Every structure is written in structure tokens, then in C-alpha cells.
Amino acid sequence: MSDTPTLEASASQLGNLTQFLIWVAEQPRTYADIMEAWRTSCPRLSAWEDATSNGLVDLARRPGGDAGAPVATLTPKGHAWLATRQARPFATER
């Protein structure tokens, strides 16, 4: 059994999710930053929802900085999933 996290999604959804995780990995992002940059009403472009429901990002309040605003960071599962996607960027999962 593999320790590599997998998700069922289309190639376009995986690409969008990968871009989102790379963006979050660059630095912790506030929820407001995420909603400004990634909010969508299109169910096919649900990077934020996919990332949170699959445990790839964690949103928590942190002491100090930005008045304790919730900050999203990658979880260990998110880091593992992103590393796998970056190692084989054009492979689709099913």
C-alpha cells in the first residue's frame, strides 16, 4: 500500500489544485487572501474546497501577525501530495 495521497479529479481540477497548493506553500496565506485570489462560483474550479476537504491545507488562527487572522498552510498530506504532483506533473490520477 502506498503512502502517497491520491484524489479523484479531472486533469484540469488537479492542475488548478496543484497551482493553489504551490501558491499556499510559498507563504502562509490568510483566509481573506485566499478568498480574494481563489474564490469562484464555478464548481469545476474548486481548489480551496478540494484542498480543505481532502486535508491538504489547514486553516488556523496564529498568535501575532495580521491580528490573529486565520492562516492557511499545507498539511503534511498537502506537502506529500504536492511533491508527488511536481515529480510527475502531467500524470492523471484515477
Protein backbone atom coordinates (compact mmCIF):
# COMPACT_ATOMS: atom_id res chain seq x y z
CA MET A 1 0.00 0.00 0.00
CA SER A 2 1.32 3.43 -0.97
CA ASP A 3 1.74 6.36 1.41
CA THR A 4 1.18 8.76 -1.49
CA PRO A 5 -2.09 10.69 -1.12
CA THR A 6 -4.39 10.40 -4.13
CA LEU A 7 -7.51 12.27 -5.17
CA GLU A 8 -10.12 11.54 -7.81
CA ALA A 9 -10.43 14.52 -10.13
CA SER A 10 -10.08 15.57 -13.74
CA ALA A 11 -6.73 16.73 -15.09
CA SER A 12 -7.92 20.36 -15.10
CA GLN A 13 -9.06 20.14 -11.48
CA LEU A 14 -5.75 18.59 -10.46
CA GLY A 15 -3.84 21.32 -12.29
CA ASN A 16 -5.85 24.02 -10.56
CA LEU A 17 -5.41 22.34 -7.17
CA THR A 18 -1.67 21.98 -7.77
CA GLN A 19 -1.38 25.70 -8.59
CA PHE A 20 -3.33 26.54 -5.44
CA LEU A 21 -1.09 24.38 -3.23
CA ILE A 22 2.07 25.87 -4.75
CA TRP A 23 0.68 29.34 -4.00
CA VAL A 24 -0.10 28.43 -0.37
CA ALA A 25 3.29 26.71 0.04
CA GLU A 26 5.10 29.93 -0.92
CA GLN A 27 3.98 31.57 2.34
CA PRO A 28 1.12 31.26 4.82
CA ARG A 29 -1.99 32.90 3.38
CA THR A 30 -4.87 34.45 5.28
CA TYR A 31 -8.38 33.30 4.55
CA ALA A 32 -9.08 36.79 3.15
CA ASP A 33 -6.11 36.45 0.75
CA ILE A 34 -7.42 33.07 -0.41
CA MET A 35 -10.95 34.29 -0.97
CA GLU A 36 -9.71 37.33 -2.88
CA ALA A 37 -7.44 35.30 -5.15
CA TRP A 38 -9.23 31.93 -5.43
CA ARG A 39 -12.96 32.38 -4.77
CA THR A 40 -15.12 31.03 -7.56
CA SER A 41 -18.74 30.17 -8.14
CA CYS A 42 -17.76 27.52 -10.69
CA PRO A 43 -17.88 24.02 -9.15
CA ARG A 44 -15.23 22.84 -11.61
CA LEU A 45 -12.68 25.26 -10.17
CA SER A 46 -12.97 24.45 -6.50
CA ALA A 47 -9.30 24.44 -5.46
CA TRP A 48 -9.97 25.83 -1.97
CA GLU A 49 -12.82 23.41 -1.28
CA ASP A 50 -10.87 20.44 -2.68
CA ALA A 51 -7.79 21.31 -0.64
CA THR A 52 -9.67 21.68 2.65
CA SER A 53 -11.98 18.69 2.22
CA ASN A 54 -9.04 16.42 1.38
CA GLY A 55 -6.93 17.61 4.32
CA LEU A 56 -4.26 19.23 2.13
CA VAL A 57 -4.37 22.61 3.89
CA ASP A 58 -5.06 23.66 7.45
CA LEU A 59 -6.68 26.95 8.38
CA ALA A 60 -5.93 28.08 11.92
CA ARG A 61 -5.53 31.25 13.91
CA ARG A 62 -1.95 32.06 14.80
CA PRO A 63 -0.81 34.33 17.59
CA GLY A 64 0.60 37.66 16.47
CA GLY A 65 0.93 38.71 12.85
CA ASP A 66 -2.13 40.04 10.99
CA ALA A 67 -4.09 40.39 14.25
CA GLY A 68 -4.53 36.64 14.58
CA ALA A 69 -6.32 36.25 11.25
CA PRO A 70 -6.81 32.64 10.16
CA VAL A 71 -3.82 31.45 8.14
CA ALA A 72 -3.73 28.56 5.68
CA THR A 73 -0.66 26.34 5.45
CA LEU A 74 -0.04 22.99 3.82
CA THR A 75 -0.53 19.92 5.99
CA PRO A 76 1.95 17.03 5.83
CA LYS A 77 -0.52 15.35 3.46
CA GLY A 78 -0.59 18.52 1.34
CA HIS A 79 3.21 18.63 1.16
CA ALA A 80 3.32 14.93 0.16
CA TRP A 81 0.62 15.36 -2.48
CA LEU A 82 2.30 18.44 -3.94
CA ALA A 83 5.70 16.71 -4.05
CA THR A 84 4.13 13.82 -5.96
CA ARG A 85 2.43 16.16 -8.44
CA GLN A 86 5.60 18.13 -9.04
CA ALA A 87 7.54 14.91 -9.65
CA ARG A 88 5.05 13.82 -12.34
CA PRO A 89 3.16 16.96 -13.43
CA PHE A 90 1.34 15.51 -16.43
CA ALA A 91 0.19 12.23 -14.91
CA THR A 92 -3.51 11.95 -14.11
CA GLU A 93 -4.89 10.02 -11.17
CA ARG A 94 -7.77 7.58 -11.35
